[in-house]
Amino acid sequence: MAKEVSLARLIGPRNSVPNLTGTSGEEVISELLQHLGKAQGFTADAIGHIKESILAREREATTGIGNGIAIPHMKQCPYVTQACGIFGRAATGIEFRANDGGLVHLFFLLLTPPGGESDHVQLMKKIVRICRDRKTMKYLIRSEDLHNLAAILEEVDESPQ
């Protein structure tokens, strides 16, 4: 059985942007990648390549899954050896071509390495669970203080599939 990947360890407060300044999907992706790239030590070229890959994926089909959440991602990312990610919050919401037509407030940007398909699926399932919990969604959308983010993500990690 595959090892369980922890959303709380992957994201947590250190990999969070509680007040995104971007006003479009592309700007938000750039902003998140700048923060993640700094934390991961990516070169500017790597960030550019990742951004282009994510935007190409978005042109094929939106990762705005509805209920205010988007999960822009890159599978088979050659710049990482293990899954990594970042959380961002846009209080006013961003047009992101979400499946439900609504604005996106919460962004979970994920990168998984070659061979990381199992981790990718686990992380996506966990984020979808957050989307289904109205109380948690309201809290994350409204709260500028994300110190409780780790506790919320740990709860998601521990909840049954």
Protein backbone atom coordinates (compact mmCIF):
# COMPACT_ATOMS: atom_id res chain seq x y z
CA MET A 1 0.00 0.00 0.00
CA ALA A 2 1.23 3.51 -0.85
CA LYS A 3 2.41 5.76 1.96
CA GLU A 4 -0.16 8.36 3.01
CA VAL A 5 0.82 11.89 2.01
CA SER A 6 0.07 14.63 4.54
CA LEU A 7 -1.66 17.76 3.27
CA ALA A 8 -0.83 19.50 6.57
CA ARG A 9 2.91 18.86 6.20
CA LEU A 10 2.85 19.77 2.52
CA ILE A 11 1.10 23.10 2.89
CA GLY A 12 0.60 24.47 6.40
CA PRO A 13 1.06 28.15 7.30
CA ARG A 14 4.60 28.39 5.92
CA ASN A 15 3.35 27.60 2.40
CA SER A 16 0.31 29.84 2.49
CA VAL A 17 -0.56 33.23 1.05
CA PRO A 18 -3.56 34.47 3.06
CA ASN A 19 -4.15 37.60 0.96
CA LEU A 20 -3.47 37.03 -2.72
CA THR A 21 -3.06 40.27 -4.68
CA GLY A 22 -3.53 38.86 -8.18
CA THR A 23 -6.75 39.78 -9.97
CA SER A 24 -6.75 37.06 -12.63
CA GLY A 25 -6.11 33.35 -12.66
CA GLU A 26 -2.75 33.80 -14.38
CA GLU A 27 -1.66 36.45 -11.85
CA VAL A 28 -2.66 34.22 -8.93
CA ILE A 29 -0.75 31.25 -10.38
CA SER A 30 2.32 33.49 -10.84
CA GLU A 31 2.05 34.82 -7.29
CA LEU A 32 1.72 31.35 -5.79
CA LEU A 33 4.63 30.03 -7.87
CA GLN A 34 6.86 32.93 -6.78
CA HIS A 35 6.24 32.05 -3.12
CA LEU A 36 6.59 28.30 -3.68
CA GLY A 37 9.62 28.78 -5.92
CA LYS A 38 11.38 30.77 -3.21
CA ALA A 39 10.64 28.10 -0.60
CA GLN A 40 11.74 25.28 -2.91
CA GLY A 41 14.75 27.07 -4.41
CA PHE A 42 13.47 26.97 -7.99
CA THR A 43 15.28 28.99 -10.66
CA ALA A 44 13.39 31.65 -12.61
CA ASP A 45 13.49 29.32 -15.64
CA ALA A 46 11.96 26.50 -13.60
CA ILE A 47 9.19 28.77 -12.34
CA GLY A 48 8.51 29.91 -15.92
CA HIS A 49 8.31 26.33 -17.19
CA ILE A 50 6.02 25.25 -14.35
CA LYS A 51 3.79 28.27 -14.93
CA GLU A 52 3.48 27.55 -18.66
CA SER A 53 2.67 23.89 -17.95
CA ILE A 54 -0.02 24.82 -15.43
CA LEU A 55 -1.54 27.44 -17.75
CA ALA A 56 -1.57 24.93 -20.64
CA ARG A 57 -3.43 22.51 -18.35
CA GLU A 58 -5.91 25.26 -17.47
CA ARG A 59 -6.55 25.96 -21.16
CA GLU A 60 -7.42 22.28 -21.69
CA ALA A 61 -9.80 22.12 -18.73
CA THR A 62 -10.24 24.28 -15.68
CA THR A 63 -9.09 23.10 -12.28
CA GLY A 64 -11.72 25.35 -10.71
CA ILE A 65 -13.69 22.47 -9.20
CA GLY A 66 -16.49 24.63 -7.83
CA ASN A 67 -17.57 25.77 -4.38
CA GLY A 68 -14.83 28.40 -4.41
CA ILE A 69 -11.84 26.06 -4.86
CA ALA A 70 -9.27 25.65 -7.64
CA ILE A 71 -6.44 23.12 -7.74
CA PRO A 72 -3.96 24.25 -10.39
CA HIS A 73 -1.31 21.57 -10.64
CA MET A 74 1.53 20.00 -12.56
CA LYS A 75 2.00 16.25 -12.57
CA GLN A 76 5.35 14.79 -13.62
CA CYS A 77 7.11 18.00 -12.56
CA PRO A 78 10.83 17.50 -13.25
CA TYR A 79 11.83 20.11 -10.66
CA VAL A 80 10.58 18.23 -7.59
CA THR A 81 11.49 14.88 -6.06
CA GLN A 82 8.46 14.80 -3.78
CA ALA A 83 5.05 16.44 -3.79
CA CYS A 84 4.95 20.09 -2.80
CA GLY A 85 2.28 22.73 -2.76
CA ILE A 86 1.03 26.07 -1.60
CA PHE A 87 -2.32 27.45 -0.44
CA GLY A 88 -3.62 30.88 -1.37
CA ARG A 89 -6.73 32.83 -0.36
CA ALA A 90 -8.44 35.52 -2.43
CA ALA A 91 -11.09 37.08 -0.19
CA THR A 92 -12.93 38.83 -3.03
CA GLY A 93 -12.75 35.85 -5.36
CA ILE A 94 -11.12 35.41 -8.77
CA GLU A 95 -12.73 34.49 -12.09
CA PHE A 96 -11.19 31.10 -12.87
CA ARG A 97 -13.72 29.41 -15.19
CA ALA A 98 -14.86 27.23 -12.28
CA ASN A 99 -17.19 24.34 -13.09
CA ASP A 100 -20.03 25.96 -11.12
CA GLY A 101 -19.49 29.39 -12.69
CA GLY A 102 -18.59 30.93 -9.33
CA LEU A 103 -15.56 32.87 -8.21
CA VAL A 104 -12.59 31.04 -6.70
CA HIS A 105 -11.46 32.07 -3.22
CA LEU A 106 -9.17 29.17 -2.27
CA PHE A 107 -6.26 27.94 -4.38
CA PHE A 108 -4.29 24.78 -3.72
CA LEU A 109 -1.37 24.70 -6.19
CA LEU A 110 0.27 21.27 -6.31
CA LEU A 111 3.40 19.88 -7.96
CA THR A 112 4.10 16.16 -8.03
CA PRO A 113 7.24 14.47 -9.36
CA PRO A 114 7.53 11.82 -12.06
CA GLY A 115 6.13 8.64 -10.51
CA GLY A 116 4.07 10.64 -7.98
CA GLU A 117 0.63 9.70 -9.30
CA SER A 118 -0.49 8.07 -6.05
CA ASP A 119 0.43 11.17 -4.02
CA HIS A 120 -1.35 13.37 -6.55
CA VAL A 121 -4.58 11.38 -6.29
CA GLN A 122 -4.43 11.35 -2.46
CA LEU A 123 -3.93 15.12 -2.31
CA MET A 124 -6.74 15.82 -4.76
CA LYS A 125 -9.14 13.65 -2.74
CA LYS A 126 -8.24 15.49 0.46
CA ILE A 127 -8.80 18.90 -1.10
CA VAL A 128 -12.17 17.79 -2.47
CA ARG A 129 -13.13 16.82 1.11
CA ILE A 130 -12.41 20.40 2.20
CA CYS A 131 -14.65 21.63 -0.61
CA ARG A 132 -17.54 19.54 0.71
CA ASP A 133 -17.35 20.93 4.25
CA ARG A 134 -19.27 24.24 4.26
CA LYS A 135 -18.09 25.28 7.73
CA THR A 136 -14.43 24.81 6.84
CA MET A 137 -14.89 26.57 3.51
CA LYS A 138 -16.51 29.61 5.18
CA TYR A 139 -13.72 29.78 7.73
CA LEU A 140 -10.95 29.59 5.12
CA ILE A 141 -12.58 32.18 2.86
CA ARG A 142 -13.23 34.69 5.66
CA SER A 143 -10.19 34.29 7.89
CA GLU A 144 -7.05 36.31 7.26
CA ASP A 145 -5.40 34.51 10.18
CA LEU A 146 -4.45 31.11 8.90
CA HIS A 147 -2.77 29.82 12.06
CA ASN A 148 -5.55 27.24 12.30
CA LEU A 149 -4.90 26.09 8.74
CA ALA A 150 -2.53 23.35 9.94
CA ALA A 151 -5.18 22.01 12.33
CA ILE A 152 -7.79 22.00 9.57
CA LEU A 153 -5.45 20.18 7.20
CA GLU A 154 -4.47 17.68 9.91
CA GLU A 155 -8.16 16.96 10.46
CA VAL A 156 -8.57 16.32 6.73
CA ASP A 157 -5.48 14.06 6.79
CA GLU A 158 -6.97 12.01 9.63
CA SER A 159 -10.52 11.75 8.33
CA PRO A 160 -11.49 8.51 6.62
CA GLN A 161 -11.45 8.41 2.83
